[in-house]
C-alpha cells in the first residue's frame, strides 16, 4: 500500500475478443492501496492461443489489429497531453456484464487425456478453478474464462469453448 499511496495511475489493459475486467480490477485494487486513478483504457490485441473459431485470425488480420491498437494509443496519448484521460473499463457495471456472460461456462472446462499433470494450469488460474488430484488436473465449477490455463498448458490439453487448441503466436511464458 505504501508504494501506491498518492501515486497517479493510468491503467492499460490488453484484450482479445472481450476484455474481461482487467482495467477495472487493476484500478479498484490500486485505488484501495491509495493510488489516484486518472483513467483507464482497454486495447484489443491479437490472441495468442484459443480454442474458439471466433478468435482465430490470419497474420494480416493480426497485423491490422496491432496497427489499430497503435493508433488508439497515439490518440489516447494526445488526449492525455491535453489533460483528458480515457476512462474505459473502469466501471463496475462492465464486471457485472462480463460475469453474466460467463456464468454459463463455469463448469464447461474440459481437460483431455493429453494432460501430463504438470500443474501449470492450477498455478496460473486466478480463480483457483483447477486442482491437482493424483497428478491430474481436475476442473471445478468456477471458470470465468481467463484462459491462462488454456494458453499456458504445454500439452494443449484444456479447452472451454471449442474442441481443439490452436496457437497463433506466443508472447509470454510461464516459469
Protein backbone atom coordinates (compact mmCIF):
# COMPACT_ATOMS: atom_id res chain seq x y z
CA UNK A 1 0.00 0.00 0.00
CA UNK A 2 2.84 2.38 0.80
CA UNK A 3 4.21 2.08 -2.73
CA UNK A 4 0.92 3.22 -4.35
CA UNK A 5 -0.27 5.84 -1.84
CA UNK A 6 -0.58 9.20 -3.59
CA UNK A 7 0.64 7.89 -6.96
CA UNK A 8 -1.24 8.96 -10.08
CA UNK A 9 -2.02 5.89 -12.19
CA UNK A 10 -3.39 5.21 -15.66
CA UNK A 11 -4.45 1.55 -16.12
CA UNK A 12 -3.94 -0.04 -19.54
CA UNK A 13 -5.31 -3.49 -20.29
CA UNK A 14 -4.96 -5.58 -23.43
CA UNK A 15 -7.78 -7.82 -24.57
CA UNK A 16 -8.74 -10.33 -27.22
CA UNK A 17 -12.35 -10.81 -28.29
CA UNK A 18 -13.64 -9.49 -24.96
CA UNK A 19 -11.94 -7.55 -22.23
CA UNK A 20 -12.98 -9.14 -19.01
CA UNK A 21 -12.38 -6.69 -16.23
CA UNK A 22 -8.60 -6.24 -16.17
CA UNK A 23 -8.67 -2.45 -16.25
CA UNK A 24 -11.40 -2.19 -13.63
CA UNK A 25 -9.86 -4.79 -11.31
CA UNK A 26 -6.44 -3.10 -11.50
CA UNK A 27 -7.93 0.32 -10.86
CA UNK A 28 -10.01 -0.86 -7.89
CA UNK A 29 -7.05 -2.65 -6.32
CA UNK A 30 -4.64 0.25 -6.80
CA UNK A 31 -7.24 2.72 -5.51
CA UNK A 32 -7.69 0.53 -2.43
CA UNK A 33 -3.95 0.96 -1.81
CA UNK A 34 -4.12 4.73 -2.09
CA UNK A 35 -3.41 5.42 -5.77
CA UNK A 36 -5.26 8.16 -7.60
CA UNK A 37 -6.73 6.59 -10.75
CA UNK A 38 -6.55 9.10 -13.60
CA UNK A 39 -8.14 6.84 -16.20
CA UNK A 40 -8.05 3.54 -17.98
CA UNK A 41 -8.09 2.01 -21.41
CA UNK A 42 -8.54 -1.40 -22.98
CA UNK A 43 -6.65 -2.17 -26.19
CA UNK A 44 -7.64 -5.03 -28.47
CA UNK A 45 -4.61 -7.16 -29.38
CA UNK A 46 -4.15 -10.44 -31.28
CA UNK A 47 -4.94 -13.60 -29.37
CA UNK A 48 -2.10 -15.99 -28.75
CA UNK A 49 -3.87 -19.27 -28.01
CA UNK A 50 -7.52 -20.14 -28.26
CA UNK A 51 -10.00 -22.95 -28.68
CA UNK A 52 -12.73 -20.86 -30.30
CA UNK A 53 -13.16 -20.19 -34.02
CA UNK A 54 -14.17 -16.63 -33.13
CA UNK A 55 -10.62 -15.76 -32.12
CA UNK A 56 -8.59 -17.31 -34.92
CA UNK A 57 -7.20 -14.71 -37.30
CA UNK A 58 -4.57 -14.82 -40.00
CA UNK A 59 -1.35 -12.81 -39.86
CA UNK A 60 -2.79 -9.98 -41.97
CA UNK A 61 -5.76 -9.59 -39.60
CA UNK A 62 -3.46 -9.68 -36.56
CA UNK A 63 -1.21 -7.00 -38.05
CA UNK A 64 -4.28 -4.82 -38.64
CA UNK A 65 -5.33 -5.28 -35.01
CA UNK A 66 -1.87 -4.13 -33.86
CA UNK A 67 -1.99 -1.17 -36.26
CA UNK A 68 -5.39 -0.15 -34.87
CA UNK A 69 -4.07 -0.53 -31.32
CA UNK A 70 -1.11 1.73 -32.12
CA UNK A 71 -3.49 4.35 -33.50
CA UNK A 72 -5.72 4.20 -30.40
CA UNK A 73 -2.71 4.54 -28.11
CA UNK A 74 -1.48 7.57 -30.07
CA UNK A 75 -4.95 9.16 -29.85
CA UNK A 76 -5.12 8.47 -26.11
CA UNK A 77 -1.65 9.96 -25.62
CA UNK A 78 -2.78 13.15 -27.36
CA UNK A 79 -5.86 13.31 -25.11
CA UNK A 80 -3.71 12.77 -22.02
CA UNK A 81 -1.36 15.57 -23.11
CA UNK A 82 -4.43 17.85 -23.07
CA UNK A 83 -5.33 16.64 -19.58
CA UNK A 84 -8.23 14.43 -20.64
CA UNK A 85 -7.82 10.80 -19.58
CA UNK A 86 -9.83 7.97 -21.21
CA UNK A 87 -11.97 6.16 -18.66
CA UNK A 88 -12.73 2.87 -20.44
CA UNK A 89 -13.34 -0.27 -18.41
CA UNK A 90 -13.34 1.40 -15.02
CA UNK A 91 -17.00 0.92 -14.19
CA UNK A 92 -18.22 -1.90 -12.03
CA UNK A 93 -21.10 -2.39 -14.50
CA UNK A 94 -18.73 -3.96 -17.02
CA UNK A 95 -17.72 -6.53 -14.44
CA UNK A 96 -21.36 -7.45 -13.87
CA UNK A 97 -21.97 -7.65 -17.64
CA UNK A 98 -18.94 -9.90 -18.08
CA UNK A 99 -20.00 -12.11 -15.17
CA UNK A 100 -23.42 -12.63 -16.72
CA UNK A 101 -21.80 -13.66 -20.00
CA UNK A 102 -19.50 -16.23 -18.40
CA UNK A 103 -21.90 -17.73 -15.88
CA UNK A 104 -22.79 -20.48 -18.37
CA UNK A 105 -19.15 -21.52 -18.67
CA UNK A 106 -18.38 -22.09 -15.00
CA UNK A 107 -18.48 -25.87 -15.35
CA UNK A 108 -17.59 -26.31 -19.04
CA UNK A 109 -13.78 -26.54 -18.81
CA UNK A 110 -12.55 -29.79 -20.36
CA UNK A 111 -9.18 -31.44 -19.66
CA UNK A 112 -8.24 -34.21 -22.07
CA UNK A 113 -6.12 -37.32 -21.60
CA UNK A 114 -3.21 -35.32 -23.04
CA UNK A 115 -2.79 -33.81 -19.54
CA UNK A 116 0.60 -34.82 -18.06
CA UNK A 117 -0.12 -33.46 -14.58
CA UNK A 118 2.49 -30.69 -14.67
CA UNK A 119 0.27 -28.36 -12.59
CA UNK A 120 0.87 -25.18 -14.61
CA UNK A 121 -2.88 -24.69 -15.10
CA UNK A 122 -3.53 -24.98 -11.38
CA UNK A 123 -0.83 -22.43 -10.56
CA UNK A 124 -1.92 -19.78 -13.09
CA UNK A 125 -5.70 -19.85 -12.60
CA UNK A 126 -6.68 -16.74 -10.62
CA UNK A 127 -9.99 -18.36 -9.67
CA UNK A 128 -8.30 -21.48 -8.27
CA UNK A 129 -10.65 -23.39 -10.55
CA UNK A 130 -8.23 -26.24 -11.28
CA UNK A 131 -6.85 -28.53 -8.62
CA UNK A 132 -4.32 -31.30 -8.94
CA UNK A 133 -5.51 -34.75 -7.93
CA UNK A 134 -3.20 -37.77 -8.34
CA UNK A 135 -1.04 -35.96 -10.94
CA UNK A 136 -4.09 -34.97 -12.96
CA UNK A 137 -5.67 -31.55 -13.41
CA UNK A 138 -9.32 -31.52 -12.34
CA UNK A 139 -11.61 -28.56 -13.09
CA UNK A 140 -14.06 -27.20 -10.55
CA UNK A 141 -17.08 -25.04 -11.32
CA UNK A 142 -15.63 -21.52 -11.02
CA UNK A 143 -14.28 -20.79 -14.52
CA UNK A 144 -14.56 -17.15 -15.58
CA UNK A 145 -12.75 -17.52 -18.90
CA UNK A 146 -9.36 -16.03 -18.05
CA UNK A 147 -7.85 -18.55 -20.49
CA UNK A 148 -4.46 -18.65 -18.75
CA UNK A 149 -4.76 -22.39 -18.26
CA UNK A 150 -5.56 -22.91 -21.95
CA UNK A 151 -2.85 -20.52 -23.14
CA UNK A 152 -0.09 -21.95 -20.97
CA UNK A 153 -0.84 -25.69 -21.00
CA UNK A 154 2.24 -27.27 -22.62
CA UNK A 155 0.15 -30.19 -23.92
CA UNK A 156 -2.81 -28.09 -25.17
CA UNK A 157 -4.97 -30.41 -23.09
CA UNK A 158 -7.52 -27.83 -21.88
CA UNK A 159 -10.47 -26.43 -23.82
CA UNK A 160 -13.52 -24.36 -22.93
CA UNK A 161 -15.39 -23.07 -25.97
CA UNK A 162 -14.04 -25.35 -28.67
CA UNK A 163 -12.68 -28.83 -29.13
CA UNK A 164 -9.09 -28.09 -30.15
CA UNK A 165 -6.49 -25.53 -29.10
CA UNK A 166 -4.65 -23.59 -31.79
CA UNK A 167 -1.62 -21.49 -31.05
CA UNK A 168 -1.49 -18.32 -33.14
CA UNK A 169 1.52 -16.61 -31.59
CA UNK A 170 3.05 -16.62 -28.14
CA UNK A 171 4.33 -13.64 -26.20
CA UNK A 172 4.53 -14.97 -22.68
CA UNK A 173 5.95 -17.98 -20.96
CA UNK A 174 5.11 -19.28 -17.52
CA UNK A 175 8.14 -20.21 -15.45
